[in-house]
C-alpha cells in the first residue's frame, strides 16, 4: 500500500529521496482506461504512449539511471489483429518522432525481445535508434518488445549449450554470472524496483531471472493516469523497505 499524499509529502520534506538505480515498469491498463471513457482501445494506447514520454523525463529528474518499460509482450501477439496493428503503428510513430529528442537529452535507447516477429520497418527503426544513441549516458531506457522472460532464459541456456558443444565452455564453468551475461539485459544491472499499474498483481513473464531480489509495488492506477507524483510515492515506498537479500538485518 502506498503512502497517502499527506504522509508522503511530510516524509519527503524530512529526508532526501535515494532513488533505485533501475526501475522497471509493467505498463498496464490502457484498454480499461479507454473503456471507462467509452473510447476505442487505441485511444488508451495513444494516451499511454504520451505518459511514457513524461515518465522518461521524470525518471531523469528523480535520479534514476536505468528505466525498463514492458511495452509489448510475446503473449500480446495473441490480441486482436486490429489492436496489434494499432500498437505497432504507435511504436513506429514513437521511434520516428522521439529518437532525436532522446538523443539530444543524452538518453541511450535499447530493446529486448524477439525482433524477428516485428515488421521489417520497425526492426530498421529499432536498430537505427540503438546505433544513434549507443554512446549516451544520462539514462538507459530499455523497451521490452515482443518480449518473454521464459523465452529469454531458454535462449541463454541454448547459447551456453552451443558453447559447450563447440568446446569453448565447460559445464563446470557455468555460474549465475556466466548465465546472466547470456541474457539480453547482460550489460545492465538487475531491477531494484518493479512497478505494475492497473491493480493486477502478477509478473506476466517479465524479467523472470532479473527480478530475483527486486522490490515490488502494485498500483491500482491505470497506466494512462500514471504521473510523477505516483512515481515519487513508489520511490518513497521503496526507500522505506529493508532489502536484506536473504540475510538477517
C-alpha atoms as a PDB file:
ATOM      1  CA  UNK A   1       0.000   0.000   0.000  1.00  0.00           C
ATOM      2  CA  UNK A   2       1.388   3.376  -0.991  1.00  0.00           C
ATOM      3  CA  UNK A   3       1.533   6.249   1.437  1.00  0.00           C
ATOM      4  CA  UNK A   4      -1.335   8.694   1.423  1.00  0.00           C
ATOM      5  CA  UNK A   5      -0.493  12.026  -0.147  1.00  0.00           C
ATOM      6  CA  UNK A   6      -0.194  13.983   3.113  1.00  0.00           C
ATOM      7  CA  UNK A   7       2.114  11.493   4.818  1.00  0.00           C
ATOM      8  CA  UNK A   8       4.247  11.184   1.705  1.00  0.00           C
ATOM      9  CA  UNK A   9       4.684  14.968   1.456  1.00  0.00           C
ATOM     10  CA  UNK A  10       5.718  15.163   5.113  1.00  0.00           C
ATOM     11  CA  UNK A  11       8.282  12.386   4.847  1.00  0.00           C
ATOM     12  CA  UNK A  12       9.664  13.799   1.613  1.00  0.00           C
ATOM     13  CA  UNK A  13      10.410  17.104   3.373  1.00  0.00           C
ATOM     14  CA  UNK A  14      12.227  15.326   6.202  1.00  0.00           C
ATOM     15  CA  UNK A  15      14.759  13.414   4.117  1.00  0.00           C
ATOM     16  CA  UNK A  16      16.232  13.273   0.653  1.00  0.00           C
ATOM     17  CA  UNK A  17      14.984  10.534  -1.626  1.00  0.00           C
ATOM     18  CA  UNK A  18      17.640   7.992  -2.592  1.00  0.00           C
ATOM     19  CA  UNK A  19      16.120   6.546  -5.775  1.00  0.00           C
ATOM     20  CA  UNK A  20      16.641   2.993  -7.027  1.00  0.00           C
ATOM     21  CA  UNK A  21      19.224   2.774  -9.792  1.00  0.00           C
ATOM     22  CA  UNK A  22      16.991   0.619 -12.007  1.00  0.00           C
ATOM     23  CA  UNK A  23      13.201   0.872 -12.177  1.00  0.00           C
ATOM     24  CA  UNK A  24      11.196  -1.489 -14.393  1.00  0.00           C
ATOM     25  CA  UNK A  25       7.520  -0.854 -15.093  1.00  0.00           C
ATOM     26  CA  UNK A  26       4.803  -3.185 -16.332  1.00  0.00           C
ATOM     27  CA  UNK A  27       2.578  -0.643 -18.072  1.00  0.00           C
ATOM     28  CA  UNK A  28      -0.967  -1.983 -17.831  1.00  0.00           C
ATOM     29  CA  UNK A  29      -4.485  -0.601 -18.075  1.00  0.00           C
ATOM     30  CA  UNK A  30      -4.639   1.288 -21.366  1.00  0.00           C
ATOM     31  CA  UNK A  31      -7.670  -0.656 -22.561  1.00  0.00           C
ATOM     32  CA  UNK A  32      -9.571  -0.264 -19.296  1.00  0.00           C
ATOM     33  CA  UNK A  33      -8.766   3.458 -19.227  1.00  0.00           C
ATOM     34  CA  UNK A  34     -10.324   3.841 -22.678  1.00  0.00           C
ATOM     35  CA  UNK A  35     -13.334   1.648 -21.816  1.00  0.00           C
ATOM     36  CA  UNK A  36     -14.130   3.748 -18.732  1.00  0.00           C
ATOM     37  CA  UNK A  37     -14.343   6.762 -21.035  1.00  0.00           C
ATOM     38  CA  UNK A  38     -16.240   4.900 -23.769  1.00  0.00           C
ATOM     39  CA  UNK A  39     -13.327   5.374 -26.160  1.00  0.00           C
ATOM     40  CA  UNK A  40     -11.712   2.875 -28.535  1.00  0.00           C
ATOM     41  CA  UNK A  41      -8.741   0.941 -27.146  1.00  0.00           C
ATOM     42  CA  UNK A  42      -6.404   2.785 -29.479  1.00  0.00           C
ATOM     43  CA  UNK A  43      -7.173   5.978 -27.571  1.00  0.00           C
ATOM     44  CA  UNK A  44      -5.940   4.326 -24.392  1.00  0.00           C
ATOM     45  CA  UNK A  45      -2.750   3.126 -26.058  1.00  0.00           C
ATOM     46  CA  UNK A  46      -2.185   6.588 -27.523  1.00  0.00           C
ATOM     47  CA  UNK A  47      -2.576   8.196 -24.130  1.00  0.00           C
ATOM     48  CA  UNK A  48      -0.283   5.557 -22.643  1.00  0.00           C
ATOM     49  CA  UNK A  49       2.426   6.412 -25.166  1.00  0.00           C
ATOM     50  CA  UNK A  50       2.212  10.056 -24.114  1.00  0.00           C
ATOM     51  CA  UNK A  51       2.682   9.023 -20.484  1.00  0.00           C
ATOM     52  CA  UNK A  52       5.834   7.115 -21.464  1.00  0.00           C
ATOM     53  CA  UNK A  53       7.423  10.331 -22.669  1.00  0.00           C
ATOM     54  CA  UNK A  54       6.670  12.122 -19.403  1.00  0.00           C
ATOM     55  CA  UNK A  55       7.787   9.126 -17.342  1.00  0.00           C
ATOM     56  CA  UNK A  56      11.205   9.196 -19.011  1.00  0.00           C
ATOM     57  CA  UNK A  57      11.609  12.877 -18.156  1.00  0.00           C
ATOM     58  CA  UNK A  58      10.527  12.268 -14.558  1.00  0.00           C
ATOM     59  CA  UNK A  59      12.934   9.348 -14.189  1.00  0.00           C
ATOM     60  CA  UNK A  60      15.824  11.600 -15.170  1.00  0.00           C
ATOM     61  CA  UNK A  61      14.723  14.331 -12.755  1.00  0.00           C
ATOM     62  CA  UNK A  62      14.453  11.806  -9.921  1.00  0.00           C
ATOM     63  CA  UNK A  63      17.943  10.404 -10.465  1.00  0.00           C
ATOM     64  CA  UNK A  64      17.050   7.017 -11.939  1.00  0.00           C
ATOM     65  CA  UNK A  65      19.842   5.618 -14.133  1.00  0.00           C
ATOM     66  CA  UNK A  66      18.030   2.691 -15.780  1.00  0.00           C
ATOM     67  CA  UNK A  67      14.382   2.580 -16.819  1.00  0.00           C
ATOM     68  CA  UNK A  68      12.911  -0.549 -18.403  1.00  0.00           C
ATOM     69  CA  UNK A  69       9.368  -0.470 -19.780  1.00  0.00           C
ATOM     70  CA  UNK A  70       7.319  -3.542 -20.679  1.00  0.00           C
ATOM     71  CA  UNK A  71       5.784  -2.258 -23.897  1.00  0.00           C
ATOM     72  CA  UNK A  72       4.655  -5.407 -25.728  1.00  0.00           C
ATOM     73  CA  UNK A  73       4.898  -8.999 -24.534  1.00  0.00           C
ATOM     74  CA  UNK A  74       5.301 -12.152 -26.585  1.00  0.00           C
ATOM     75  CA  UNK A  75       1.762 -13.062 -25.495  1.00  0.00           C
ATOM     76  CA  UNK A  76       0.377  -9.756 -26.791  1.00  0.00           C
ATOM     77  CA  UNK A  77       0.648 -11.124 -30.331  1.00  0.00           C
ATOM     78  CA  UNK A  78      -2.491 -13.110 -29.462  1.00  0.00           C
ATOM     79  CA  UNK A  79      -4.573  -9.948 -29.180  1.00  0.00           C
ATOM     80  CA  UNK A  80      -6.979  -8.965 -31.998  1.00  0.00           C
ATOM     81  CA  UNK A  81      -5.162  -8.048 -35.197  1.00  0.00           C
ATOM     82  CA  UNK A  82      -6.621  -4.546 -35.197  1.00  0.00           C
ATOM     83  CA  UNK A  83      -5.246  -3.840 -31.725  1.00  0.00           C
ATOM     84  CA  UNK A  84      -1.803  -5.264 -32.550  1.00  0.00           C
ATOM     85  CA  UNK A  85      -1.708  -3.220 -35.738  1.00  0.00           C
ATOM     86  CA  UNK A  86      -2.569  -0.077 -33.780  1.00  0.00           C
ATOM     87  CA  UNK A  87       0.167  -0.778 -31.242  1.00  0.00           C
ATOM     88  CA  UNK A  88       2.733  -1.282 -33.986  1.00  0.00           C
ATOM     89  CA  UNK A  89       1.633   1.979 -35.583  1.00  0.00           C
ATOM     90  CA  UNK A  90       2.144   3.800 -32.288  1.00  0.00           C
ATOM     91  CA  UNK A  91       5.542   2.160 -31.858  1.00  0.00           C
ATOM     92  CA  UNK A  92       6.618   3.195 -35.332  1.00  0.00           C
ATOM     93  CA  UNK A  93       5.433   6.733 -34.673  1.00  0.00           C
ATOM     94  CA  UNK A  94       7.312   6.843 -31.358  1.00  0.00           C
ATOM     95  CA  UNK A  95      10.554   5.630 -32.921  1.00  0.00           C
ATOM     96  CA  UNK A  96      10.211   8.082 -35.777  1.00  0.00           C
ATOM     97  CA  UNK A  97       9.407  11.150 -33.689  1.00  0.00           C
ATOM     98  CA  UNK A  98      11.124  10.652 -30.341  1.00  0.00           C
ATOM     99  CA  UNK A  99      14.585   9.235 -31.041  1.00  0.00           C
ATOM    100  CA  UNK A 100      16.151  12.563 -31.967  1.00  0.00           C
ATOM    101  CA  UNK A 101      14.839  14.140 -28.763  1.00  0.00           C
ATOM    102  CA  UNK A 102      16.043  11.195 -26.678  1.00  0.00           C
ATOM    103  CA  UNK A 103      19.448  11.519 -28.292  1.00  0.00           C
ATOM    104  CA  UNK A 104      19.595  15.254 -27.622  1.00  0.00           C
ATOM    105  CA  UNK A 105      18.827  14.550 -23.965  1.00  0.00           C
ATOM    106  CA  UNK A 106      21.741  12.086 -23.764  1.00  0.00           C
ATOM    107  CA  UNK A 107      19.423   9.072 -23.337  1.00  0.00           C
ATOM    108  CA  UNK A 108      20.501   5.669 -24.581  1.00  0.00           C
ATOM    109  CA  UNK A 109      17.673   3.601 -26.076  1.00  0.00           C
ATOM    110  CA  UNK A 110      17.875  -0.180 -26.223  1.00  0.00           C
ATOM    111  CA  UNK A 111      15.448  -3.027 -26.849  1.00  0.00           C
ATOM    112  CA  UNK A 112      14.933  -6.566 -25.568  1.00  0.00           C
ATOM    113  CA  UNK A 113      12.659  -9.206 -27.034  1.00  0.00           C
ATOM    114  CA  UNK A 114      12.183 -11.308 -30.164  1.00  0.00           C
ATOM    115  CA  UNK A 115      12.786  -8.873 -33.007  1.00  0.00           C
ATOM    116  CA  UNK A 116      12.127 -11.499 -35.668  1.00  0.00           C
ATOM    117  CA  UNK A 117       8.379 -11.091 -35.139  1.00  0.00           C
ATOM    118  CA  UNK A 118       8.473  -7.325 -35.673  1.00  0.00           C
ATOM    119  CA  UNK A 119       7.924  -5.833 -39.113  1.00  0.00           C
ATOM    120  CA  UNK A 120      10.988  -5.021 -41.191  1.00  0.00           C
ATOM    121  CA  UNK A 121      10.321  -1.282 -40.955  1.00  0.00           C
ATOM    122  CA  UNK A 122      10.173  -1.400 -37.161  1.00  0.00           C
ATOM    123  CA  UNK A 123      13.312  -3.547 -36.949  1.00  0.00           C
ATOM    124  CA  UNK A 124      15.150  -0.946 -39.016  1.00  0.00           C
ATOM    125  CA  UNK A 125      13.964   1.842 -36.728  1.00  0.00           C
ATOM    126  CA  UNK A 126      14.966  -0.154 -33.634  1.00  0.00           C
ATOM    127  CA  UNK A 127      18.463  -0.800 -34.956  1.00  0.00           C
ATOM    128  CA  UNK A 128      18.886   2.812 -36.051  1.00  0.00           C
ATOM    129  CA  UNK A 129      17.785   4.088 -32.631  1.00  0.00           C
ATOM    130  CA  UNK A 130      20.211   1.826 -30.801  1.00  0.00           C
ATOM    131  CA  UNK A 131      23.058   2.824 -33.082  1.00  0.00           C
ATOM    132  CA  UNK A 132      22.371   6.537 -32.803  1.00  0.00           C
ATOM    133  CA  UNK A 133      22.078   6.617 -29.006  1.00  0.00           C
ATOM    134  CA  UNK A 134      24.603   3.932 -28.029  1.00  0.00           C
ATOM    135  CA  UNK A 135      27.134   6.380 -26.512  1.00  0.00           C
ATOM    136  CA  UNK A 136      24.621   8.339 -24.417  1.00  0.00           C
ATOM    137  CA  UNK A 137      24.966   8.169 -20.644  1.00  0.00           C
ATOM    138  CA  UNK A 138      22.256  10.170 -18.873  1.00  0.00           C
ATOM    139  CA  UNK A 139      19.652   7.403 -18.782  1.00  0.00           C
ATOM    140  CA  UNK A 140      19.466   3.876 -20.165  1.00  0.00           C
ATOM    141  CA  UNK A 141      15.930   3.429 -21.472  1.00  0.00           C
ATOM    142  CA  UNK A 142      15.085  -0.156 -22.397  1.00  0.00           C
ATOM    143  CA  UNK A 143      11.861  -1.087 -24.164  1.00  0.00           C
ATOM    144  CA  UNK A 144      10.724  -4.707 -23.936  1.00  0.00           C
ATOM    145  CA  UNK A 145       9.098  -5.503 -27.293  1.00  0.00           C
ATOM    146  CA  UNK A 146       7.784  -8.924 -28.259  1.00  0.00           C
ATOM    147  CA  UNK A 147       9.446  -9.958 -25.003  1.00  0.00           C
ATOM    148  CA  UNK A 148       9.004 -13.066 -22.876  1.00  0.00           C
ATOM    149  CA  UNK A 149      11.081 -13.904 -19.821  1.00  0.00           C
ATOM    150  CA  UNK A 150      10.915 -17.678 -20.299  1.00  0.00           C
ATOM    151  CA  UNK A 151      11.996 -17.406 -23.925  1.00  0.00           C
ATOM    152  CA  UNK A 152      14.911 -15.214 -22.895  1.00  0.00           C
ATOM    153  CA  UNK A 153      16.094 -17.795 -20.343  1.00  0.00           C
ATOM    154  CA  UNK A 154      15.735 -20.645 -22.849  1.00  0.00           C
ATOM    155  CA  UNK A 155      17.736 -18.665 -25.408  1.00  0.00           C
ATOM    156  CA  UNK A 156      20.514 -18.005 -22.880  1.00  0.00           C
ATOM    157  CA  UNK A 157      20.629 -21.715 -21.999  1.00  0.00           C
ATOM    158  CA  UNK A 158      20.782 -22.595 -25.687  1.00  0.00           C
ATOM    159  CA  UNK A 159      23.758 -20.274 -26.161  1.00  0.00           C
ATOM    160  CA  UNK A 160      25.606 -21.950 -23.300  1.00  0.00           C
ATOM    161  CA  UNK A 161      24.826 -25.374 -24.772  1.00  0.00           C
ATOM    162  CA  UNK A 162      26.275 -24.324 -28.118  1.00  0.00           C
ATOM    163  CA  UNK A 163      29.459 -23.092 -26.433  1.00  0.00           C
ATOM    164  CA  UNK A 164      29.814 -26.387 -24.569  1.00  0.00           C
ATOM    165  CA  UNK A 165      29.226 -28.339 -27.774  1.00  0.00           C
ATOM    166  CA  UNK A 166      31.914 -26.293 -29.526  1.00  0.00           C
ATOM    167  CA  UNK A 167      34.344 -26.905 -26.694  1.00  0.00           C
ATOM    168  CA  UNK A 168      34.520 -23.242 -25.725  1.00  0.00           C
ATOM    169  CA  UNK A 169      32.951 -23.760 -22.313  1.00  0.00           C
ATOM    170  CA  UNK A 170      32.895 -26.456 -19.656  1.00  0.00           C
ATOM    171  CA  UNK A 171      29.721 -27.217 -17.679  1.00  0.00           C
ATOM    172  CA  UNK A 172      31.715 -26.624 -14.508  1.00  0.00           C
ATOM    173  CA  UNK A 173      32.380 -23.056 -15.626  1.00  0.00           C
ATOM    174  CA  UNK A 174      28.708 -22.125 -15.673  1.00  0.00           C
ATOM    175  CA  UNK A 175      27.771 -19.814 -12.802  1.00  0.00           C
ATOM    176  CA  UNK A 176      24.955 -17.371 -12.218  1.00  0.00           C
ATOM    177  CA  UNK A 177      27.168 -14.564 -13.502  1.00  0.00           C
ATOM    178  CA  UNK A 178      28.097 -16.509 -16.632  1.00  0.00           C
ATOM    179  CA  UNK A 179      24.466 -17.347 -17.296  1.00  0.00           C
ATOM    180  CA  UNK A 180      23.378 -13.729 -16.774  1.00  0.00           C
ATOM    181  CA  UNK A 181      25.778 -12.491 -19.438  1.00  0.00           C
ATOM    182  CA  UNK A 182      23.801 -14.513 -21.982  1.00  0.00           C
ATOM    183  CA  UNK A 183      20.593 -12.642 -21.199  1.00  0.00           C
ATOM    184  CA  UNK A 184      19.528  -9.671 -23.288  1.00  0.00           C
ATOM    185  CA  UNK A 185      19.994  -7.495 -20.216  1.00  0.00           C
ATOM    186  CA  UNK A 186      23.523  -8.757 -19.628  1.00  0.00           C
ATOM    187  CA  UNK A 187      25.064  -5.288 -19.746  1.00  0.00           C
ATOM    188  CA  UNK A 188      22.731  -3.570 -17.253  1.00  0.00           C
ATOM    189  CA  UNK A 189      22.083  -4.170 -13.534  1.00  0.00           C
ATOM    190  CA  UNK A 190      19.055  -6.109 -12.352  1.00  0.00           C
ATOM    191  CA  UNK A 191      15.980  -4.013 -11.467  1.00  0.00           C
ATOM    192  CA  UNK A 192      15.782  -2.684  -7.927  1.00  0.00           C
ATOM    193  CA  UNK A 193      12.095  -1.821  -8.179  1.00  0.00           C
ATOM    194  CA  UNK A 194       9.269  -3.317 -10.234  1.00  0.00           C
ATOM    195  CA  UNK A 195       6.096  -1.260 -10.610  1.00  0.00           C
ATOM    196  CA  UNK A 196       2.909  -2.635 -12.119  1.00  0.00           C
ATOM    197  CA  UNK A 197      -0.110  -0.466 -12.803  1.00  0.00           C
ATOM    198  CA  UNK A 198      -3.829  -1.322 -13.198  1.00  0.00           C
ATOM    199  CA  UNK A 199      -4.307  -3.274  -9.958  1.00  0.00           C
ATOM    200  CA  UNK A 200      -3.125  -6.619 -11.341  1.00  0.00           C
ATOM    201  CA  UNK A 201      -0.636  -8.439  -9.096  1.00  0.00           C
ATOM    202  CA  UNK A 202       1.381 -10.715 -11.347  1.00  0.00           C
ATOM    203  CA  UNK A 203       4.656 -10.614 -13.283  1.00  0.00           C
ATOM    204  CA  UNK A 204       3.326 -11.657 -16.703  1.00  0.00           C
ATOM    205  CA  UNK A 205       6.547 -13.293 -17.889  1.00  0.00           C
ATOM    206  CA  UNK A 206       8.630 -10.151 -17.330  1.00  0.00           C
ATOM    207  CA  UNK A 207      12.365 -10.307 -16.469  1.00  0.00           C
ATOM    208  CA  UNK A 208      11.930 -13.607 -14.632  1.00  0.00           C
ATOM    209  CA  UNK A 209      15.650 -14.101 -13.947  1.00  0.00           C
ATOM    210  CA  UNK A 210      16.473 -10.471 -13.246  1.00  0.00           C
ATOM    211  CA  UNK A 211      13.806  -9.771 -10.594  1.00  0.00           C
ATOM    212  CA  UNK A 212      15.032 -12.326  -8.051  1.00  0.00           C
ATOM    213  CA  UNK A 213      15.580  -9.649  -5.366  1.00  0.00           C
ATOM    214  CA  UNK A 214      13.621  -6.708  -6.742  1.00  0.00           C
ATOM    215  CA  UNK A 215      11.075  -4.868  -4.639  1.00  0.00           C
ATOM    216  CA  UNK A 216       7.501  -4.925  -5.993  1.00  0.00           C
ATOM    217  CA  UNK A 217       4.846  -2.233  -5.918  1.00  0.00           C
ATOM    218  CA  UNK A 218       1.411  -2.890  -7.400  1.00  0.00           C
ATOM    219  CA  UNK A 219      -0.733   0.147  -8.105  1.00  0.00           C
ATOM    220  CA  UNK A 220      -4.477   0.485  -8.620  1.00  0.00           C
ATOM    221  CA  UNK A 221      -3.703   3.299 -11.060  1.00  0.00           C
ATOM    222  CA  UNK A 222      -4.242   2.672 -14.774  1.00  0.00           C
ATOM    223  CA  UNK A 223      -1.149   3.412 -16.841  1.00  0.00           C
ATOM    224  CA  UNK A 224      -2.609   6.446 -18.689  1.00  0.00           C
ATOM    225  CA  UNK A 225      -3.160   8.050 -15.250  1.00  0.00           C
ATOM    226  CA  UNK A 226       0.410   7.409 -14.072  1.00  0.00           C
ATOM    227  CA  UNK A 227       2.318  10.588 -13.224  1.00  0.00           C
ATOM    228  CA  UNK A 228       5.351  11.985 -11.433  1.00  0.00           C
ATOM    229  CA  UNK A 229       3.677  12.140  -8.027  1.00  0.00           C
ATOM    230  CA  UNK A 230       2.816   8.440  -8.209  1.00  0.00           C
ATOM    231  CA  UNK A 231       6.377   7.595  -9.255  1.00  0.00           C
ATOM    232  CA  UNK A 232       7.731   9.653  -6.349  1.00  0.00           C
ATOM    233  CA  UNK A 233       5.458   7.825  -3.923  1.00  0.00           C
ATOM    234  CA  UNK A 234       6.648   4.482  -5.279  1.00  0.00           C
ATOM    235  CA  UNK A 235      10.265   5.530  -4.774  1.00  0.00           C
ATOM    236  CA  UNK A 236       9.462   6.702  -1.238  1.00  0.00           C
ATOM    237  CA  UNK A 237       7.862   3.338  -0.501  1.00  0.00           C
ATOM    238  CA  UNK A 238      10.931   1.593  -1.923  1.00  0.00           C
ATOM    239  CA  UNK A 239      13.292   3.698   0.191  1.00  0.00           C
ATOM    240  CA  UNK A 240      11.417   2.685   3.330  1.00  0.00           C
ATOM    241  CA  UNK A 241      11.962  -1.021   2.777  1.00  0.00           C
ATOM    242  CA  UNK A 242      14.800  -3.113   4.196  1.00  0.00           C
ATOM    243  CA  UNK A 243      16.492  -5.031   1.346  1.00  0.00           C
ATOM    244  CA  UNK A 244      18.289  -7.938   3.032  1.00  0.00           C
ATOM    245  CA  UNK A 245      18.827 -10.272   0.049  1.00  0.00           C
ATOM    246  CA  UNK A 246      18.052 -13.276   2.251  1.00  0.00           C
ATOM    247  CA  UNK A 247      20.377 -12.249   5.107  1.00  0.00           C
ATOM    248  CA  UNK A 248      19.424 -11.167   8.603  1.00  0.00           C
ATOM    249  CA  UNK A 249      19.100  -7.422   9.242  1.00  0.00           C
END
